[in-house]
Amino acid sequence: MHCPLCQSENNQKELFKTVNAFTSSGKLDKNPTQIKTTITTNDGGGGGYCKGNNTITFTQCQDCGYIYNSTFDLNKISKEYQSEGYFSRKIVSKAMSNNIKTIKDKCLKYINKNSTCLEVAPGSRDMVNALIRNVKIYVYR
């Protein structure tokens, strides 16, 4: 593996990794934060709102300090945006706003005010805007 910034090879440190990461394709429903506890389909899992079988791995180059998503797959994420399940924000803006508020309220039950949060690939920044008065936000694009 090499750093996309300085091209240094084999001097990378994994900082954080998560699998089945949320992608912006998925079904908007009445319970956006309710996630199935078992995965019974082969469509990427997660069920309902948190659909996607994407992996996010934050890796830091030990030579230049650059932090990047070393498992980013442009082809895979492009397919998510082109799938039938992808909803344009403009088409469902009222439903999206209600879902964002529900998710924000759910998040605030688990994190302390003034906590530091990281928003990865914020899109139109709906979640950032919803939480900005309650937490410190760092955006990773």
Protein backbone atom coordinates (compact mmCIF):
# COMPACT_ATOMS: atom_id res chain seq x y z
CA MET A 1 0.00 0.00 0.00
CA HIS A 2 1.27 3.47 -0.80
CA CYS A 3 0.27 6.95 0.32
CA PRO A 4 -1.81 8.75 -2.34
CA LEU A 5 -0.18 12.07 -1.35
CA CYS A 6 3.57 11.41 -1.03
CA GLN A 7 3.66 7.93 -2.65
CA SER A 8 5.56 6.48 0.32
CA GLU A 9 5.25 2.69 0.38
CA ASN A 10 4.72 0.32 3.30
CA ASN A 11 4.82 2.99 6.01
CA GLN A 12 1.08 3.23 6.66
CA LYS A 13 -0.75 2.82 9.97
CA GLU A 14 -4.42 1.80 10.20
CA LEU A 15 -6.23 4.16 12.58
CA PHE A 16 -9.86 3.07 12.28
CA LYS A 17 -11.88 0.48 10.36
CA THR A 18 -15.59 -0.19 10.06
CA VAL A 19 -17.49 -2.58 7.81
CA ASN A 20 -21.08 -2.40 6.52
CA ALA A 21 -20.74 1.38 6.47
CA PHE A 22 -23.81 3.48 5.67
CA THR A 23 -24.19 4.60 2.11
CA SER A 24 -26.71 7.08 0.86
CA SER A 25 -28.72 4.50 -0.98
CA GLY A 26 -31.44 2.85 0.96
CA LYS A 27 -35.05 2.85 1.90
CA LEU A 28 -36.37 5.83 3.82
CA ASP A 29 -39.01 4.60 6.21
CA LYS A 30 -40.80 5.48 9.43
CA ASN A 31 -38.05 3.99 11.61
CA PRO A 32 -34.77 5.23 10.10
CA THR A 33 -32.67 4.24 13.10
CA GLN A 34 -34.09 0.75 13.49
CA ILE A 35 -31.54 -1.69 12.13
CA LYS A 36 -32.04 -5.42 11.72
CA THR A 37 -29.86 -7.37 14.10
CA THR A 38 -29.45 -10.26 11.69
CA ILE A 39 -28.66 -10.06 8.03
CA THR A 40 -30.79 -12.40 5.97
CA THR A 41 -30.20 -11.07 2.46
CA ASN A 42 -27.23 -10.96 0.15
CA ASP A 43 -27.77 -7.33 -0.91
CA GLY A 44 -25.08 -5.82 1.28
CA GLY A 45 -26.87 -6.24 4.58
CA GLY A 46 -27.76 -3.72 7.18
CA GLY A 47 -31.38 -3.73 6.12
CA GLY A 48 -33.56 -0.65 5.81
CA TYR A 49 -31.85 2.71 6.21
CA CYS A 50 -28.30 1.59 6.98
CA LYS A 51 -27.76 -0.27 3.76
CA GLY A 52 -24.40 -0.88 2.25
CA ASN A 53 -21.51 -3.27 2.45
CA ASN A 54 -18.85 -0.63 2.13
CA THR A 55 -15.75 -0.66 4.29
CA ILE A 56 -14.10 2.48 5.62
CA THR A 57 -10.48 2.23 6.75
CA PHE A 58 -8.73 5.40 7.90
CA THR A 59 -5.03 4.96 7.30
CA GLN A 60 -2.27 7.44 8.13
CA CYS A 61 0.98 7.76 6.23
CA GLN A 62 3.78 7.74 8.80
CA ASP A 63 6.01 9.78 6.49
CA CYS A 64 3.79 12.78 5.63
CA GLY A 65 0.89 12.40 8.12
CA TYR A 66 -1.85 12.29 5.46
CA ILE A 67 -5.00 10.41 6.56
CA TYR A 68 -7.08 8.72 3.87
CA ASN A 69 -9.64 5.95 3.35
CA SER A 70 -7.44 3.12 2.10
CA THR A 71 -10.41 0.87 1.26
CA PHE A 72 -12.32 3.45 -0.79
CA ASP A 73 -13.73 1.74 -3.86
CA LEU A 74 -14.89 4.24 -6.49
CA ASN A 75 -16.57 1.56 -8.61
CA LYS A 76 -18.54 0.22 -5.65
CA ILE A 77 -19.73 3.63 -4.43
CA SER A 78 -20.60 4.66 -8.00
CA LYS A 79 -22.85 1.60 -8.25
CA GLU A 80 -24.63 2.66 -5.04
CA TYR A 81 -25.39 6.08 -6.50
CA GLN A 82 -26.63 4.55 -9.75
CA SER A 83 -28.79 1.88 -8.10
CA GLU A 84 -32.58 2.00 -8.05
CA GLY A 85 -32.44 2.30 -4.27
CA TYR A 86 -30.64 5.65 -4.34
CA PHE A 87 -32.90 8.56 -3.49
CA SER A 88 -31.97 12.03 -4.64
CA ARG A 89 -32.04 14.45 -1.72
CA LYS A 90 -34.11 16.89 -3.78
CA ILE A 91 -36.82 14.32 -4.40
CA VAL A 92 -37.29 13.39 -0.74
CA SER A 93 -36.10 16.51 1.06
CA LYS A 94 -39.02 16.64 3.54
CA ALA A 95 -38.76 12.92 4.31
CA MET A 96 -34.97 13.24 4.55
CA SER A 97 -35.28 16.17 6.96
CA ASN A 98 -37.56 14.14 9.22
CA ASN A 99 -35.18 11.16 9.11
CA ILE A 100 -32.15 13.35 9.82
CA LYS A 101 -33.92 14.85 12.85
CA THR A 102 -34.81 11.37 14.13
CA ILE A 103 -31.22 10.17 13.70
CA LYS A 104 -29.86 13.36 15.32
CA ASP A 105 -32.11 12.88 18.37
CA LYS A 106 -31.05 9.24 18.62
CA CYS A 107 -27.34 10.18 18.39
CA LEU A 108 -27.69 12.81 21.11
CA LYS A 109 -29.02 10.14 23.49
CA TYR A 110 -25.65 8.37 23.27
CA ILE A 111 -23.11 11.18 23.02
CA ASN A 112 -22.38 14.00 25.41
CA LYS A 113 -22.86 17.61 24.43
CA ASN A 114 -19.58 19.05 23.12
CA SER A 115 -18.36 15.59 22.09
CA THR A 116 -16.21 15.50 18.99
CA CYS A 117 -17.76 13.71 16.00
CA LEU A 118 -16.39 12.83 12.59
CA GLU A 119 -18.69 13.02 9.56
CA VAL A 120 -17.36 10.97 6.67
CA ALA A 121 -18.41 11.97 3.15
CA PRO A 122 -21.09 14.38 4.34
CA GLY A 123 -22.83 14.81 1.00
CA SER A 124 -25.09 17.83 1.42
CA ARG A 125 -24.14 18.08 5.13
CA ASP A 126 -27.64 17.48 6.51
CA MET A 127 -26.35 15.57 9.54
CA VAL A 128 -23.57 18.10 10.15
CA ASN A 129 -26.09 20.94 10.10
CA ALA A 130 -28.42 19.03 12.43
CA LEU A 131 -25.71 18.37 15.04
CA ILE A 132 -23.54 21.49 14.73
CA ARG A 133 -24.99 23.27 17.79
CA ASN A 134 -24.60 20.21 20.00
CA VAL A 135 -21.23 18.69 19.14
CA LYS A 136 -17.87 19.57 17.64
CA ILE A 137 -17.78 18.28 14.08
CA TYR A 138 -14.90 17.36 11.84
CA VAL A 139 -15.71 16.61 8.21
CA TYR A 140 -13.78 14.07 6.14
CA ARG A 141 -14.49 14.24 2.41
